[in-house]
Amino acid sequence: MRIWTYLIFGSLIVVLASAAFLPLLDVNLLIHEMSVTNKPVDTHFLAIRSATFASLVFFTINFLRNKRPLSAVAPMLAFCNFLVFFGAVLMIKRAQFELLPWVVLCMIAALSVFLHRENKAQNNVIFRDSW
């Protein structure tokens, strides 16, 4: 790959990773407004936004390492894992202990376990006759 590819994707990784992880420190990087703010934002929106940006960073890093996902389940699995992580951390940090959001988060975690098993099964099918 050319150096410009690394520079462009590297800067994209820095911006998206900042937008994903700064809400854990009560700071929001609003890319569309080109501003950093501490305005209150809904927890569910922040969790989905952070999980989306973290997934993009994860797959951009894998692209730069020439590592492609082996199945179509991998992007959904990565997003679910990041959503469970950011959802749990943000709800604990903001002391939001209502039952329904935690039930939904547990359902997403169960979906993540199911997707993990499907991803492993597809990997076994792909590499069954490789040796």
N, C-alpha and C. Protein backbone atom coordinates (compact mmCIF):
# COMPACT_ATOMS: atom_id res chain seq x y z
N MET A 1 0.83 -1.18 0.00
CA MET A 1 0.00 0.00 0.00
C MET A 1 0.87 1.24 0.00
N ARG A 2 0.31 2.27 -0.55
CA ARG A 2 1.06 3.52 -0.61
C ARG A 2 0.99 4.26 0.71
N ILE A 3 1.92 5.18 0.88
CA ILE A 3 2.03 5.92 2.14
C ILE A 3 0.78 6.78 2.37
N TRP A 4 0.17 7.28 1.29
CA TRP A 4 -1.03 8.12 1.43
C TRP A 4 -2.19 7.31 2.02
N THR A 5 -2.25 6.05 1.67
CA THR A 5 -3.31 5.19 2.22
C THR A 5 -3.14 5.09 3.73
N TYR A 6 -1.91 4.87 4.18
CA TYR A 6 -1.65 4.78 5.62
C TYR A 6 -1.93 6.10 6.33
N LEU A 7 -1.57 7.21 5.71
CA LEU A 7 -1.80 8.52 6.33
C LEU A 7 -3.29 8.84 6.44
N ILE A 8 -4.03 8.60 5.39
CA ILE A 8 -5.46 8.91 5.40
C ILE A 8 -6.19 8.00 6.38
N PHE A 9 -5.92 6.69 6.29
CA PHE A 9 -6.59 5.77 7.20
C PHE A 9 -6.12 5.95 8.63
N GLY A 10 -4.85 6.30 8.83
CA GLY A 10 -4.34 6.56 10.17
C GLY A 10 -5.02 7.75 10.81
N SER A 11 -5.19 8.82 10.05
CA SER A 11 -5.89 9.99 10.60
C SER A 11 -7.35 9.67 10.85
N LEU A 12 -7.96 8.86 10.00
CA LEU A 12 -9.34 8.44 10.21
C LEU A 12 -9.47 7.62 11.49
N ILE A 13 -8.49 6.75 11.74
CA ILE A 13 -8.50 5.94 12.96
C ILE A 13 -8.41 6.83 14.19
N VAL A 14 -7.56 7.84 14.16
CA VAL A 14 -7.41 8.73 15.32
C VAL A 14 -8.71 9.48 15.59
N VAL A 15 -9.34 10.02 14.55
CA VAL A 15 -10.57 10.78 14.73
C VAL A 15 -11.70 9.89 15.23
N LEU A 16 -11.88 8.73 14.58
CA LEU A 16 -12.97 7.84 14.97
C LEU A 16 -12.75 7.23 16.36
N ALA A 17 -11.52 6.88 16.69
CA ALA A 17 -11.24 6.34 18.02
C ALA A 17 -11.49 7.40 19.09
N SER A 18 -11.13 8.64 18.79
CA SER A 18 -11.41 9.72 19.73
C SER A 18 -12.92 9.90 19.92
N ALA A 19 -13.66 9.88 18.83
CA ALA A 19 -15.11 10.02 18.92
C ALA A 19 -15.75 8.84 19.64
N ALA A 20 -15.13 7.67 19.56
CA ALA A 20 -15.69 6.49 20.21
C ALA A 20 -15.41 6.47 21.71
N PHE A 21 -14.20 6.81 22.11
CA PHE A 21 -13.80 6.62 23.50
C PHE A 21 -13.90 7.87 24.37
N LEU A 22 -13.96 9.07 23.80
CA LEU A 22 -14.07 10.27 24.62
C LEU A 22 -15.36 10.36 25.42
N PRO A 23 -16.50 9.80 24.95
CA PRO A 23 -17.69 9.84 25.81
C PRO A 23 -17.51 9.10 27.14
N LEU A 24 -16.56 8.19 27.22
CA LEU A 24 -16.29 7.54 28.50
C LEU A 24 -15.68 8.52 29.50
N LEU A 25 -15.15 9.63 28.99
CA LEU A 25 -14.56 10.67 29.84
C LEU A 25 -15.46 11.90 29.91
N ASP A 26 -16.73 11.75 29.53
CA ASP A 26 -17.73 12.82 29.51
C ASP A 26 -17.39 13.95 28.55
N VAL A 27 -16.73 13.63 27.47
CA VAL A 27 -16.42 14.60 26.42
C VAL A 27 -16.90 14.02 25.10
N ASN A 28 -17.58 14.83 24.30
CA ASN A 28 -18.09 14.37 23.02
C ASN A 28 -17.39 15.07 21.88
N LEU A 29 -16.87 14.29 20.96
CA LEU A 29 -16.28 14.83 19.74
C LEU A 29 -17.36 14.73 18.67
N LEU A 30 -17.88 15.88 18.27
CA LEU A 30 -18.93 15.92 17.26
C LEU A 30 -18.28 16.18 15.91
N ILE A 31 -18.16 15.13 15.12
CA ILE A 31 -17.46 15.22 13.84
C ILE A 31 -18.20 16.14 12.88
N HIS A 32 -19.52 16.04 12.86
CA HIS A 32 -20.29 16.83 11.90
C HIS A 32 -20.27 18.33 12.22
N GLU A 33 -19.98 18.70 13.48
CA GLU A 33 -19.86 20.11 13.84
C GLU A 33 -18.41 20.55 14.03
N MET A 34 -17.47 19.59 13.92
CA MET A 34 -16.05 19.87 14.15
C MET A 34 -15.84 20.55 15.49
N SER A 35 -16.44 19.97 16.55
CA SER A 35 -16.29 20.57 17.86
C SER A 35 -16.18 19.50 18.93
N VAL A 36 -15.61 19.90 20.04
CA VAL A 36 -15.54 19.06 21.23
C VAL A 36 -16.39 19.73 22.28
N THR A 37 -17.31 18.96 22.88
CA THR A 37 -18.25 19.55 23.81
C THR A 37 -18.53 18.58 24.95
N ASN A 38 -19.13 19.09 25.99
CA ASN A 38 -19.57 18.23 27.09
C ASN A 38 -21.07 18.35 27.29
N LYS A 39 -21.80 18.70 26.21
CA LYS A 39 -23.26 18.76 26.27
C LYS A 39 -23.80 17.37 26.58
N PRO A 40 -24.85 17.29 27.39
CA PRO A 40 -25.42 15.98 27.69
C PRO A 40 -26.07 15.36 26.46
N VAL A 41 -25.79 14.09 26.25
CA VAL A 41 -26.35 13.34 25.13
C VAL A 41 -26.93 12.06 25.71
N ASP A 42 -28.01 11.58 25.11
CA ASP A 42 -28.67 10.37 25.57
C ASP A 42 -27.70 9.19 25.59
N THR A 43 -27.78 8.38 26.63
CA THR A 43 -26.86 7.26 26.81
C THR A 43 -26.96 6.25 25.68
N HIS A 44 -28.18 5.95 25.25
CA HIS A 44 -28.37 4.96 24.19
C HIS A 44 -27.73 5.44 22.88
N PHE A 45 -27.91 6.73 22.58
CA PHE A 45 -27.29 7.28 21.38
C PHE A 45 -25.77 7.20 21.46
N LEU A 46 -25.21 7.55 22.61
CA LEU A 46 -23.76 7.51 22.77
C LEU A 46 -23.21 6.09 22.65
N ALA A 47 -23.93 5.12 23.21
CA ALA A 47 -23.47 3.73 23.13
C ALA A 47 -23.46 3.24 21.70
N ILE A 48 -24.52 3.53 20.95
CA ILE A 48 -24.59 3.09 19.55
C ILE A 48 -23.53 3.82 18.72
N ARG A 49 -23.39 5.12 18.94
CA ARG A 49 -22.39 5.89 18.19
C ARG A 49 -20.97 5.40 18.48
N SER A 50 -20.67 5.20 19.76
CA SER A 50 -19.33 4.73 20.13
C SER A 50 -19.06 3.34 19.58
N ALA A 51 -20.06 2.46 19.64
CA ALA A 51 -19.88 1.11 19.11
C ALA A 51 -19.67 1.13 17.60
N THR A 52 -20.37 2.00 16.92
CA THR A 52 -20.20 2.12 15.46
C THR A 52 -18.81 2.61 15.12
N PHE A 53 -18.37 3.67 15.78
CA PHE A 53 -17.03 4.20 15.49
C PHE A 53 -15.93 3.22 15.89
N ALA A 54 -16.10 2.53 17.01
CA ALA A 54 -15.10 1.55 17.42
C ALA A 54 -15.04 0.38 16.43
N SER A 55 -16.18 -0.03 15.90
CA SER A 55 -16.20 -1.09 14.88
C SER A 55 -15.48 -0.63 13.62
N LEU A 56 -15.72 0.62 13.22
CA LEU A 56 -15.02 1.15 12.04
C LEU A 56 -13.51 1.20 12.27
N VAL A 57 -13.09 1.59 13.47
CA VAL A 57 -11.67 1.62 13.78
C VAL A 57 -11.09 0.21 13.74
N PHE A 58 -11.80 -0.74 14.32
CA PHE A 58 -11.35 -2.14 14.35
C PHE A 58 -11.14 -2.67 12.94
N PHE A 59 -12.10 -2.46 12.05
CA PHE A 59 -11.97 -3.00 10.71
C PHE A 59 -11.01 -2.19 9.84
N THR A 60 -10.82 -0.92 10.13
CA THR A 60 -9.81 -0.14 9.41
C THR A 60 -8.41 -0.61 9.78
N ILE A 61 -8.20 -0.88 11.06
CA ILE A 61 -6.90 -1.42 11.48
C ILE A 61 -6.66 -2.78 10.84
N ASN A 62 -7.68 -3.61 10.81
CA ASN A 62 -7.54 -4.92 10.17
C ASN A 62 -7.26 -4.78 8.67
N PHE A 63 -7.87 -3.79 8.03
CA PHE A 63 -7.60 -3.55 6.61
C PHE A 63 -6.14 -3.17 6.40
N LEU A 64 -5.62 -2.29 7.25
CA LEU A 64 -4.22 -1.88 7.11
C LEU A 64 -3.26 -3.04 7.39
N ARG A 65 -3.71 -4.02 8.16
CA ARG A 65 -2.89 -5.20 8.44
C ARG A 65 -3.11 -6.29 7.39
N ASN A 66 -3.90 -6.00 6.36
CA ASN A 66 -4.26 -6.97 5.31
C ASN A 66 -4.98 -8.18 5.89
N LYS A 67 -5.77 -7.95 6.90
CA LYS A 67 -6.51 -9.03 7.54
C LYS A 67 -7.99 -8.79 7.27
N ARG A 68 -8.59 -9.64 6.46
CA ARG A 68 -9.98 -9.49 6.08
C ARG A 68 -10.86 -10.38 6.94
N PRO A 69 -12.13 -9.96 7.17
CA PRO A 69 -13.03 -10.85 7.91
C PRO A 69 -13.32 -12.09 7.07
N LEU A 70 -13.37 -13.24 7.73
CA LEU A 70 -13.57 -14.49 7.02
C LEU A 70 -15.04 -14.77 6.75
N SER A 71 -15.93 -14.13 7.46
CA SER A 71 -17.34 -14.37 7.24
C SER A 71 -18.11 -13.06 7.35
N ALA A 72 -19.33 -13.10 6.88
CA ALA A 72 -20.19 -11.92 6.97
C ALA A 72 -20.68 -11.69 8.39
N VAL A 73 -20.49 -12.65 9.26
CA VAL A 73 -20.93 -12.54 10.65
C VAL A 73 -19.96 -11.66 11.45
N ALA A 74 -18.72 -11.56 11.03
CA ALA A 74 -17.70 -10.84 11.79
C ALA A 74 -18.04 -9.37 12.05
N PRO A 75 -18.53 -8.60 11.07
CA PRO A 75 -18.88 -7.21 11.39
C PRO A 75 -20.02 -7.09 12.40
N MET A 76 -21.02 -7.97 12.29
CA MET A 76 -22.12 -7.94 13.26
C MET A 76 -21.62 -8.32 14.65
N LEU A 77 -20.72 -9.29 14.72
CA LEU A 77 -20.16 -9.72 15.99
C LEU A 77 -19.35 -8.59 16.63
N ALA A 78 -18.52 -7.93 15.85
CA ALA A 78 -17.72 -6.82 16.38
C ALA A 78 -18.62 -5.70 16.90
N PHE A 79 -19.65 -5.35 16.13
CA PHE A 79 -20.56 -4.28 16.55
C PHE A 79 -21.27 -4.66 17.84
N CYS A 80 -21.77 -5.89 17.94
CA CYS A 80 -22.47 -6.32 19.16
C CYS A 80 -21.54 -6.31 20.36
N ASN A 81 -20.31 -6.76 20.18
CA ASN A 81 -19.35 -6.75 21.30
C ASN A 81 -19.07 -5.33 21.77
N PHE A 82 -18.84 -4.42 20.82
CA PHE A 82 -18.59 -3.03 21.21
C PHE A 82 -19.84 -2.39 21.83
N LEU A 83 -21.02 -2.75 21.33
CA LEU A 83 -22.25 -2.18 21.88
C LEU A 83 -22.48 -2.64 23.32
N VAL A 84 -22.21 -3.90 23.60
CA VAL A 84 -22.33 -4.40 24.98
C VAL A 84 -21.32 -3.68 25.88
N PHE A 85 -20.09 -3.53 25.39
CA PHE A 85 -19.07 -2.85 26.19
C PHE A 85 -19.45 -1.41 26.49
N PHE A 86 -19.71 -0.63 25.44
CA PHE A 86 -20.01 0.79 25.65
C PHE A 86 -21.34 0.98 26.37
N GLY A 87 -22.33 0.15 26.08
CA GLY A 87 -23.61 0.28 26.77
C GLY A 87 -23.46 0.05 28.26
N ALA A 88 -22.76 -1.01 28.63
CA ALA A 88 -22.59 -1.31 30.06
C ALA A 88 -21.77 -0.23 30.76
N VAL A 89 -20.67 0.17 30.16
CA VAL A 89 -19.81 1.18 30.80
C VAL A 89 -20.55 2.51 30.95
N LEU A 90 -21.24 2.94 29.91
CA LEU A 90 -21.93 4.23 30.00
C LEU A 90 -23.11 4.18 30.97
N MET A 91 -23.84 3.07 31.02
CA MET A 91 -24.96 2.99 31.96
C MET A 91 -24.46 2.93 33.40
N ILE A 92 -23.36 2.24 33.65
CA ILE A 92 -22.80 2.22 35.00
C ILE A 92 -22.26 3.60 35.36
N LYS A 93 -21.55 4.23 34.43
CA LYS A 93 -20.95 5.53 34.68
C LYS A 93 -22.02 6.59 34.98
N ARG A 94 -23.15 6.49 34.29
CA ARG A 94 -24.22 7.47 34.47
C ARG A 94 -25.26 7.01 35.49
N ALA A 95 -24.99 5.92 36.19
CA ALA A 95 -25.87 5.39 37.24
C ALA A 95 -27.29 5.18 36.74
N GLN A 96 -27.42 4.56 35.59
CA GLN A 96 -28.73 4.25 35.03
C GLN A 96 -28.99 2.76 35.23
N PHE A 97 -29.80 2.46 36.23
CA PHE A 97 -30.01 1.07 36.60
C PHE A 97 -31.46 0.64 36.41
N GLU A 98 -32.17 1.24 35.44
CA GLU A 98 -33.51 0.77 35.13
C GLU A 98 -33.40 -0.63 34.52
N LEU A 99 -34.42 -1.42 34.69
CA LEU A 99 -34.36 -2.82 34.30
C LEU A 99 -34.35 -3.03 32.78
N LEU A 100 -35.21 -2.32 32.06
CA LEU A 100 -35.37 -2.58 30.62
C LEU A 100 -34.09 -2.39 29.81
N PRO A 101 -33.32 -1.31 29.98
CA PRO A 101 -32.08 -1.20 29.21
C PRO A 101 -31.09 -2.33 29.49
N TRP A 102 -31.05 -2.81 30.72
CA TRP A 102 -30.15 -3.91 31.06
C TRP A 102 -30.63 -5.22 30.44
N VAL A 103 -31.96 -5.41 30.36
CA VAL A 103 -32.49 -6.60 29.70
C VAL A 103 -32.13 -6.59 28.22
N VAL A 104 -32.26 -5.42 27.59
CA VAL A 104 -31.91 -5.30 26.17
C VAL A 104 -30.41 -5.55 25.98
N LEU A 105 -29.60 -5.03 26.88
CA LEU A 105 -28.15 -5.26 26.80
C LEU A 105 -27.81 -6.74 26.96
N CYS A 106 -28.52 -7.43 27.84
CA CYS A 106 -28.30 -8.88 28.00
C CYS A 106 -28.73 -9.63 26.75
N MET A 107 -29.79 -9.18 26.10
CA MET A 107 -30.22 -9.82 24.85
C MET A 107 -29.17 -9.61 23.75
N ILE A 108 -28.58 -8.44 23.71
CA ILE A 108 -27.52 -8.18 22.73
C ILE A 108 -26.29 -9.03 23.05
N ALA A 109 -26.00 -9.21 24.33
CA ALA A 109 -24.88 -10.08 24.72
C ALA A 109 -25.15 -11.52 24.32
N ALA A 110 -26.40 -11.98 24.47
CA ALA A 110 -26.76 -13.33 24.02
C ALA A 110 -26.64 -13.44 22.50
N LEU A 111 -27.04 -12.40 21.79
CA LEU A 111 -26.86 -12.38 20.33
C LEU A 111 -25.39 -12.45 19.98
N SER A 112 -24.56 -11.79 20.76
CA SER A 112 -23.12 -11.80 20.53
C SER A 112 -22.55 -13.22 20.70
N VAL A 113 -23.03 -13.93 21.71
CA VAL A 113 -22.59 -15.32 21.90
C VAL A 113 -23.02 -16.18 20.72
N PHE A 114 -24.26 -16.00 20.27
CA PHE A 114 -24.74 -16.75 19.11
C PHE A 114 -23.91 -16.44 17.86
N LEU A 115 -23.62 -15.15 17.63
CA LEU A 115 -22.82 -14.76 16.46
C LEU A 115 -21.40 -15.30 16.56
N HIS A 116 -20.85 -15.35 17.77
CA HIS A 116 -19.51 -15.91 17.96
C HIS A 116 -19.49 -17.39 17.56
N ARG A 117 -20.50 -18.13 17.98
CA ARG A 117 -20.57 -19.55 17.61
C ARG A 117 -20.73 -19.72 16.10
N GLU A 118 -21.56 -18.90 15.47
CA GLU A 118 -21.73 -18.97 14.03
C GLU A 118 -20.42 -18.62 13.30
N ASN A 119 -19.70 -17.63 13.81
CA ASN A 119 -18.43 -17.23 13.20
C ASN A 119 -17.42 -18.37 13.30
N LYS A 120 -17.35 -19.02 14.46
CA LYS A 120 -16.44 -20.16 14.62
C LYS A 120 -16.83 -21.30 13.69
N ALA A 121 -18.12 -21.56 13.56
CA ALA A 121 -18.59 -22.64 12.68
C ALA A 121 -18.23 -22.34 11.23
N GLN A 122 -18.38 -21.09 10.80
CA GLN A 122 -18.01 -20.73 9.42
C GLN A 122 -16.51 -20.82 9.21
N ASN A 123 -15.73 -20.45 10.21
CA ASN A 123 -14.28 -20.56 10.09
C ASN A 123 -13.86 -22.01 9.95
N ASN A 124 -14.51 -22.91 10.68
CA ASN A 124 -14.20 -24.34 10.57
C ASN A 124 -14.55 -24.88 9.20
N VAL A 125 -15.65 -24.40 8.60
CA VAL A 125 -16.05 -24.85 7.26
C VAL A 125 -15.07 -24.32 6.22
N ILE A 126 -14.62 -23.07 6.38
CA ILE A 126 -13.71 -22.46 5.41
C ILE A 126 -12.37 -23.20 5.40
N PHE A 127 -11.86 -23.54 6.59
CA PHE A 127 -10.52 -24.13 6.69
C PHE A 127 -10.53 -25.66 6.82
N ARG A 128 -11.66 -26.31 6.57
CA ARG A 128 -11.74 -27.75 6.76
C ARG A 128 -10.78 -28.51 5.86
N ASP A 129 -10.70 -28.12 4.59
CA ASP A 129 -9.87 -28.86 3.62
C ASP A 129 -8.58 -28.13 3.29
N SER A 130 -8.12 -27.23 4.15
CA SER A 130 -6.94 -26.44 3.81
C SER A 130 -5.63 -27.20 4.03
N TRP A 131 -5.61 -28.24 4.83
CA TRP A 131 -4.36 -28.96 5.07
C TRP A 131 -4.42 -30.32 4.47
